[in-house]
Amino acid sequence: MQLQSGRRAGTRRANSRFSCAAAALLAFALATPALAEPVTFVVDGSHTYPRFSYSHLGLSTQLSRFNNTTGKVVLDQAARKASVEITIDMTSVDTGYAEFNEHIQAEDFLDTARHPTATFRSTRVAFEGDRPVAIDGDLTIKGITKPVTLAVTRFARMDHPLRKKDAIGADASVVIKRSDFDAGQYAPLVGDEVTISIALEAVAE
């Protein structure tokens, strides 16, 4: 009888330990956030403007922009992974002067009649901690594709105060030679090097 009682007591203790372990595991699972998943952010065209600047005759640095931009960013911050796709409507170029807007779209410059858009598609995004700091990718202008690296100088992620959705913002820039894209008219009198900078905002789908 004593042996059977001892066995039953041992079984009860084992069951109790198993129940406690299971309860602890369940509590941990409930308390631990789910693993982060990639989030797709859609570019906010009303707050995303690629700008380009260049030397004009050595007299000044001219600054212009494109008014219509679309694209998306897929971001998994926990895994330090991301991808970026941007399409720029080259016919939306805005130099601040209507006549020059038409002139810069001519064949010797942007040739928007045959190449109305430019694109950037990332191939690699480098992170420091959970923040992207550089984006390697392929830039296509006038049908010519070149590898470039954008330096990310600012990155933010927060709940959008108006749309009530997850949102990101970034500032990034790169220097290219317009002659590499068959747009080198008047170089070097008009600077061949062009700094492209983009202020981007995007909101989760």
C-alpha atoms as a PDB file:
ATOM      1  CA  MET A   1       0.000   0.000   0.000  1.00  0.00           C
ATOM      2  CA  GLN A   2       2.790   2.390   0.910  1.00  0.00           C
ATOM      3  CA  LEU A   3       4.502   1.672  -2.449  1.00  0.00           C
ATOM      4  CA  GLN A   4       1.305   2.416  -4.394  1.00  0.00           C
ATOM      5  CA  SER A   5       0.728   5.608  -2.403  1.00  0.00           C
ATOM      6  CA  GLY A   6       4.288   6.681  -3.144  1.00  0.00           C
ATOM      7  CA  ARG A   7       3.770   6.065  -6.845  1.00  0.00           C
ATOM      8  CA  ARG A   8       0.546   8.052  -6.859  1.00  0.00           C
ATOM      9  CA  ALA A   9       2.223  10.919  -5.019  1.00  0.00           C
ATOM     10  CA  GLY A  10       5.137  10.864  -7.491  1.00  0.00           C
ATOM     11  CA  THR A  11       2.717  10.906 -10.415  1.00  0.00           C
ATOM     12  CA  ARG A  12       0.857  13.843  -8.910  1.00  0.00           C
ATOM     13  CA  ARG A  13       4.118  15.749  -8.439  1.00  0.00           C
ATOM     14  CA  ALA A  14       5.185  15.011 -12.026  1.00  0.00           C
ATOM     15  CA  ASN A  15       1.791  16.109 -13.349  1.00  0.00           C
ATOM     16  CA  SER A  16       1.980  19.234 -11.214  1.00  0.00           C
ATOM     17  CA  ARG A  17       5.449  20.066 -12.548  1.00  0.00           C
ATOM     18  CA  PHE A  18       4.257  19.462 -16.119  1.00  0.00           C
ATOM     19  CA  SER A  19       1.215  21.686 -15.569  1.00  0.00           C
ATOM     20  CA  CYS A  20       3.368  24.460 -14.114  1.00  0.00           C
ATOM     21  CA  ALA A  21       5.807  24.236 -17.017  1.00  0.00           C
ATOM     22  CA  ALA A  22       2.982  24.304 -19.548  1.00  0.00           C
ATOM     23  CA  ALA A  23       1.380  27.293 -17.819  1.00  0.00           C
ATOM     24  CA  ALA A  24       4.694  29.140 -17.771  1.00  0.00           C
ATOM     25  CA  LEU A  25       5.267  28.407 -21.462  1.00  0.00           C
ATOM     26  CA  LEU A  26       1.775  29.634 -22.333  1.00  0.00           C
ATOM     27  CA  ALA A  27       2.260  32.807 -20.290  1.00  0.00           C
ATOM     28  CA  PHE A  28       5.574  33.468 -22.030  1.00  0.00           C
ATOM     29  CA  ALA A  29       3.982  32.943 -25.447  1.00  0.00           C
ATOM     30  CA  LEU A  30       1.199  35.365 -24.633  1.00  0.00           C
ATOM     31  CA  ALA A  31       3.581  37.954 -23.228  1.00  0.00           C
ATOM     32  CA  THR A  32       6.076  37.798 -26.133  1.00  0.00           C
ATOM     33  CA  PRO A  33       5.189  39.881 -29.216  1.00  0.00           C
ATOM     34  CA  ALA A  34       4.748  38.017 -32.472  1.00  0.00           C
ATOM     35  CA  LEU A  35       7.761  37.998 -34.738  1.00  0.00           C
ATOM     36  CA  ALA A  36       7.809  41.088 -36.929  1.00  0.00           C
ATOM     37  CA  GLU A  37       6.703  40.654 -40.503  1.00  0.00           C
ATOM     38  CA  PRO A  38       7.476  42.735 -43.605  1.00  0.00           C
ATOM     39  CA  VAL A  39       5.222  45.780 -43.971  1.00  0.00           C
ATOM     40  CA  THR A  40       4.484  47.320 -47.375  1.00  0.00           C
ATOM     41  CA  PHE A  41       4.433  51.110 -47.393  1.00  0.00           C
ATOM     42  CA  VAL A  42       2.938  53.019 -50.329  1.00  0.00           C
ATOM     43  CA  VAL A  43       4.673  56.245 -51.326  1.00  0.00           C
ATOM     44  CA  ASP A  44       2.727  59.378 -50.429  1.00  0.00           C
ATOM     45  CA  GLY A  45       3.014  61.391 -53.644  1.00  0.00           C
ATOM     46  CA  SER A  46       1.898  64.575 -51.923  1.00  0.00           C
ATOM     47  CA  HIS A  47       4.974  64.508 -49.673  1.00  0.00           C
ATOM     48  CA  THR A  48       7.582  62.768 -51.824  1.00  0.00           C
ATOM     49  CA  TYR A  49       9.634  64.953 -54.143  1.00  0.00           C
ATOM     50  CA  PRO A  50      12.900  63.971 -55.860  1.00  0.00           C
ATOM     51  CA  ARG A  51      15.054  67.063 -56.335  1.00  0.00           C
ATOM     52  CA  PHE A  52      18.141  67.572 -58.478  1.00  0.00           C
ATOM     53  CA  SER A  53      20.804  70.251 -58.308  1.00  0.00           C
ATOM     54  CA  TYR A  54      23.736  71.172 -60.540  1.00  0.00           C
ATOM     55  CA  SER A  55      26.162  73.989 -61.278  1.00  0.00           C
ATOM     56  CA  HIS A  56      24.926  76.496 -63.851  1.00  0.00           C
ATOM     57  CA  LEU A  57      27.804  78.165 -65.723  1.00  0.00           C
ATOM     58  CA  GLY A  58      29.766  78.273 -62.484  1.00  0.00           C
ATOM     59  CA  LEU A  59      27.473  81.074 -61.372  1.00  0.00           C
ATOM     60  CA  SER A  60      24.983  79.297 -59.151  1.00  0.00           C
ATOM     61  CA  THR A  61      23.614  75.947 -58.020  1.00  0.00           C
ATOM     62  CA  GLN A  62      20.243  75.366 -59.621  1.00  0.00           C
ATOM     63  CA  LEU A  63      17.640  73.325 -57.756  1.00  0.00           C
ATOM     64  CA  SER A  64      14.633  71.696 -59.471  1.00  0.00           C
ATOM     65  CA  ARG A  65      12.264  68.845 -58.693  1.00  0.00           C
ATOM     66  CA  PHE A  66       9.785  66.305 -60.055  1.00  0.00           C
ATOM     67  CA  ASN A  67       6.204  66.691 -58.882  1.00  0.00           C
ATOM     68  CA  ASN A  68       4.819  63.171 -59.472  1.00  0.00           C
ATOM     69  CA  THR A  69       6.371  60.138 -57.822  1.00  0.00           C
ATOM     70  CA  THR A  70       4.962  56.695 -57.037  1.00  0.00           C
ATOM     71  CA  GLY A  71       6.359  53.527 -55.500  1.00  0.00           C
ATOM     72  CA  LYS A  72       6.552  51.307 -52.465  1.00  0.00           C
ATOM     73  CA  VAL A  73       8.882  50.302 -49.653  1.00  0.00           C
ATOM     74  CA  VAL A  74       8.798  46.847 -48.073  1.00  0.00           C
ATOM     75  CA  LEU A  75      10.371  46.921 -44.618  1.00  0.00           C
ATOM     76  CA  ASP A  76      11.088  44.243 -42.024  1.00  0.00           C
ATOM     77  CA  GLN A  77      12.865  46.297 -39.396  1.00  0.00           C
ATOM     78  CA  ALA A  78      13.421  43.435 -36.964  1.00  0.00           C
ATOM     79  CA  ALA A  79      15.101  41.321 -39.639  1.00  0.00           C
ATOM     80  CA  ARG A  80      16.990  44.343 -41.044  1.00  0.00           C
ATOM     81  CA  LYS A  81      15.639  43.770 -44.518  1.00  0.00           C
ATOM     82  CA  ALA A  82      13.991  46.160 -46.971  1.00  0.00           C
ATOM     83  CA  SER A  83      13.325  46.822 -50.633  1.00  0.00           C
ATOM     84  CA  VAL A  84      12.508  50.033 -52.469  1.00  0.00           C
ATOM     85  CA  GLU A  85      10.810  50.696 -55.807  1.00  0.00           C
ATOM     86  CA  ILE A  86      10.365  54.247 -57.053  1.00  0.00           C
ATOM     87  CA  THR A  87       8.943  55.566 -60.341  1.00  0.00           C
ATOM     88  CA  ILE A  88       9.360  59.230 -61.255  1.00  0.00           C
ATOM     89  CA  ASP A  89       7.182  60.934 -63.850  1.00  0.00           C
ATOM     90  CA  MET A  90       9.840  62.826 -65.802  1.00  0.00           C
ATOM     91  CA  THR A  91       7.210  64.965 -67.538  1.00  0.00           C
ATOM     92  CA  SER A  92       6.422  66.484 -64.138  1.00  0.00           C
ATOM     93  CA  VAL A  93       9.812  68.229 -63.989  1.00  0.00           C
ATOM     94  CA  ASP A  94       9.522  71.605 -62.285  1.00  0.00           C
ATOM     95  CA  THR A  95      12.393  74.057 -62.738  1.00  0.00           C
ATOM     96  CA  GLY A  96      10.342  77.050 -61.672  1.00  0.00           C
ATOM     97  CA  TYR A  97      10.236  78.327 -65.259  1.00  0.00           C
ATOM     98  CA  ALA A  98       7.628  76.956 -67.698  1.00  0.00           C
ATOM     99  CA  GLU A  99       9.734  77.472 -70.820  1.00  0.00           C
ATOM    100  CA  PHE A 100      12.690  75.616 -69.311  1.00  0.00           C
ATOM    101  CA  ASN A 101      10.385  72.807 -68.177  1.00  0.00           C
ATOM    102  CA  GLU A 102       9.720  72.139 -71.863  1.00  0.00           C
ATOM    103  CA  HIS A 103      13.368  72.660 -72.869  1.00  0.00           C
ATOM    104  CA  ILE A 104      14.737  70.156 -70.353  1.00  0.00           C
ATOM    105  CA  GLN A 105      12.360  67.476 -71.637  1.00  0.00           C
ATOM    106  CA  ALA A 106      13.924  67.611 -75.114  1.00  0.00           C
ATOM    107  CA  GLU A 107      15.934  64.768 -76.653  1.00  0.00           C
ATOM    108  CA  ASP A 108      19.334  66.143 -75.576  1.00  0.00           C
ATOM    109  CA  PHE A 109      18.273  66.161 -71.931  1.00  0.00           C
ATOM    110  CA  LEU A 110      15.466  64.000 -70.498  1.00  0.00           C
ATOM    111  CA  ASP A 111      13.802  62.978 -73.786  1.00  0.00           C
ATOM    112  CA  THR A 112      10.452  62.474 -72.083  1.00  0.00           C
ATOM    113  CA  ALA A 113       8.694  61.770 -75.398  1.00  0.00           C
ATOM    114  CA  ARG A 114      10.448  58.376 -75.510  1.00  0.00           C
ATOM    115  CA  HIS A 115      11.283  57.941 -71.840  1.00  0.00           C
ATOM    116  CA  PRO A 116       8.502  59.474 -69.733  1.00  0.00           C
ATOM    117  CA  THR A 117       9.579  57.781 -66.497  1.00  0.00           C
ATOM    118  CA  ALA A 118      12.722  57.077 -64.509  1.00  0.00           C
ATOM    119  CA  THR A 119      12.936  54.219 -62.011  1.00  0.00           C
ATOM    120  CA  PHE A 120      14.968  53.138 -59.028  1.00  0.00           C
ATOM    121  CA  ARG A 121      14.905  49.544 -57.767  1.00  0.00           C
ATOM    122  CA  SER A 122      16.957  48.536 -54.770  1.00  0.00           C
ATOM    123  CA  THR A 123      19.259  45.527 -54.783  1.00  0.00           C
ATOM    124  CA  ARG A 124      20.464  45.811 -51.176  1.00  0.00           C
ATOM    125  CA  VAL A 125      19.647  47.931 -48.128  1.00  0.00           C
ATOM    126  CA  ALA A 126      22.313  48.349 -45.444  1.00  0.00           C
ATOM    127  CA  PHE A 127      21.281  48.841 -41.818  1.00  0.00           C
ATOM    128  CA  GLU A 128      22.909  50.146 -38.664  1.00  0.00           C
ATOM    129  CA  GLY A 129      20.871  48.652 -35.885  1.00  0.00           C
ATOM    130  CA  ASP A 130      17.281  48.818 -37.070  1.00  0.00           C
ATOM    131  CA  ARG A 131      17.795  51.902 -39.268  1.00  0.00           C
ATOM    132  CA  PRO A 132      18.555  51.854 -43.001  1.00  0.00           C
ATOM    133  CA  VAL A 133      21.660  53.910 -43.810  1.00  0.00           C
ATOM    134  CA  ALA A 134      22.429  53.091 -47.473  1.00  0.00           C
ATOM    135  CA  ILE A 135      20.482  51.729 -50.423  1.00  0.00           C
ATOM    136  CA  ASP A 136      22.186  50.060 -53.379  1.00  0.00           C
ATOM    137  CA  GLY A 137      20.092  49.837 -56.510  1.00  0.00           C
ATOM    138  CA  ASP A 138      19.619  50.305 -60.228  1.00  0.00           C
ATOM    139  CA  LEU A 139      18.728  53.766 -61.499  1.00  0.00           C
ATOM    140  CA  THR A 140      17.205  53.918 -64.984  1.00  0.00           C
ATOM    141  CA  ILE A 141      17.035  57.223 -66.867  1.00  0.00           C
ATOM    142  CA  LYS A 142      16.369  57.472 -70.621  1.00  0.00           C
ATOM    143  CA  GLY A 143      16.400  53.672 -70.808  1.00  0.00           C
ATOM    144  CA  ILE A 144      19.963  53.509 -69.434  1.00  0.00           C
ATOM    145  CA  THR A 145      20.488  51.634 -66.169  1.00  0.00           C
ATOM    146  CA  LYS A 146      23.396  52.301 -63.811  1.00  0.00           C
ATOM    147  CA  PRO A 147      24.132  51.017 -60.279  1.00  0.00           C
ATOM    148  CA  VAL A 148      24.024  53.733 -57.613  1.00  0.00           C
ATOM    149  CA  THR A 149      24.090  53.963 -53.829  1.00  0.00           C
ATOM    150  CA  LEU A 150      21.806  56.342 -51.983  1.00  0.00           C
ATOM    151  CA  ALA A 151      22.991  57.602 -48.611  1.00  0.00           C
ATOM    152  CA  VAL A 152      20.111  57.729 -46.121  1.00  0.00           C
ATOM    153  CA  THR A 153      20.683  60.761 -43.915  1.00  0.00           C
ATOM    154  CA  ARG A 154      17.437  60.565 -41.972  1.00  0.00           C
ATOM    155  CA  PHE A 155      14.891  57.838 -41.218  1.00  0.00           C
ATOM    156  CA  ALA A 156      11.766  57.867 -39.068  1.00  0.00           C
ATOM    157  CA  ARG A 157       8.919  55.457 -38.351  1.00  0.00           C
ATOM    158  CA  MET A 158       5.789  56.341 -36.423  1.00  0.00           C
ATOM    159  CA  ASP A 159       2.005  56.218 -36.409  1.00  0.00           C
ATOM    160  CA  HIS A 160       0.778  58.758 -38.951  1.00  0.00           C
ATOM    161  CA  PRO A 161      -1.065  61.368 -36.854  1.00  0.00           C
ATOM    162  CA  LEU A 162      -3.720  61.982 -39.533  1.00  0.00           C
ATOM    163  CA  ARG A 163      -4.100  58.662 -41.354  1.00  0.00           C
ATOM    164  CA  LYS A 164      -3.779  56.601 -38.158  1.00  0.00           C
ATOM    165  CA  LYS A 165      -1.523  54.075 -39.876  1.00  0.00           C
ATOM    166  CA  ASP A 166       2.079  52.981 -39.622  1.00  0.00           C
ATOM    167  CA  ALA A 167       4.239  55.408 -41.634  1.00  0.00           C
ATOM    168  CA  ILE A 168       7.873  55.966 -42.552  1.00  0.00           C
ATOM    169  CA  GLY A 169       9.887  58.927 -43.773  1.00  0.00           C
ATOM    170  CA  ALA A 170      13.411  59.299 -45.102  1.00  0.00           C
ATOM    171  CA  ASP A 171      15.874  61.685 -46.688  1.00  0.00           C
ATOM    172  CA  ALA A 172      18.369  60.196 -49.134  1.00  0.00           C
ATOM    173  CA  SER A 173      20.765  61.435 -51.788  1.00  0.00           C
ATOM    174  CA  VAL A 174      23.206  60.355 -54.496  1.00  0.00           C
ATOM    175  CA  VAL A 175      25.517  62.100 -56.968  1.00  0.00           C
ATOM    176  CA  ILE A 176      25.425  60.974 -60.608  1.00  0.00           C
ATOM    177  CA  LYS A 177      26.869  62.159 -63.915  1.00  0.00           C
ATOM    178  CA  ARG A 178      24.138  63.095 -66.370  1.00  0.00           C
ATOM    179  CA  SER A 179      26.460  62.209 -69.257  1.00  0.00           C
ATOM    180  CA  ASP A 180      26.282  58.573 -68.045  1.00  0.00           C
ATOM    181  CA  PHE A 181      22.602  58.682 -68.964  1.00  0.00           C
ATOM    182  CA  ASP A 182      23.006  60.342 -72.371  1.00  0.00           C
ATOM    183  CA  ALA A 183      21.884  63.691 -70.948  1.00  0.00           C
ATOM    184  CA  GLY A 184      25.197  65.556 -70.981  1.00  0.00           C
ATOM    185  CA  GLN A 185      24.293  68.504 -73.219  1.00  0.00           C
ATOM    186  CA  TYR A 186      26.480  71.593 -72.512  1.00  0.00           C
ATOM    187  CA  ALA A 187      28.724  69.750 -70.013  1.00  0.00           C
ATOM    188  CA  PRO A 188      31.001  70.787 -68.413  1.00  0.00           C
ATOM    189  CA  LEU A 189      29.853  74.400 -68.848  1.00  0.00           C
ATOM    190  CA  VAL A 190      26.641  73.276 -67.219  1.00  0.00           C
ATOM    191  CA  GLY A 191      27.714  70.859 -64.512  1.00  0.00           C
ATOM    192  CA  ASP A 192      27.873  67.180 -65.424  1.00  0.00           C
ATOM    193  CA  GLU A 193      27.563  66.124 -61.804  1.00  0.00           C
ATOM    194  CA  VAL A 194      24.000  66.178 -60.531  1.00  0.00           C
ATOM    195  CA  THR A 195      22.979  65.669 -56.925  1.00  0.00           C
ATOM    196  CA  ILE A 196      19.677  63.836 -56.623  1.00  0.00           C
ATOM    197  CA  SER A 197      17.994  64.059 -53.232  1.00  0.00           C
ATOM    198  CA  ILE A 198      14.643  62.644 -52.260  1.00  0.00           C
ATOM    199  CA  ALA A 199      12.396  63.442 -49.331  1.00  0.00           C
ATOM    200  CA  LEU A 200      10.130  60.417 -49.011  1.00  0.00           C
ATOM    201  CA  GLU A 201       7.046  59.619 -46.982  1.00  0.00           C
ATOM    202  CA  ALA A 202       5.112  56.372 -47.228  1.00  0.00           C
ATOM    203  CA  VAL A 203       2.108  54.918 -45.420  1.00  0.00           C
ATOM    204  CA  ALA A 204       1.331  51.264 -44.701  1.00  0.00           C
ATOM    205  CA  GLU A 205      -1.177  49.600 -47.015  1.00  0.00           C
END
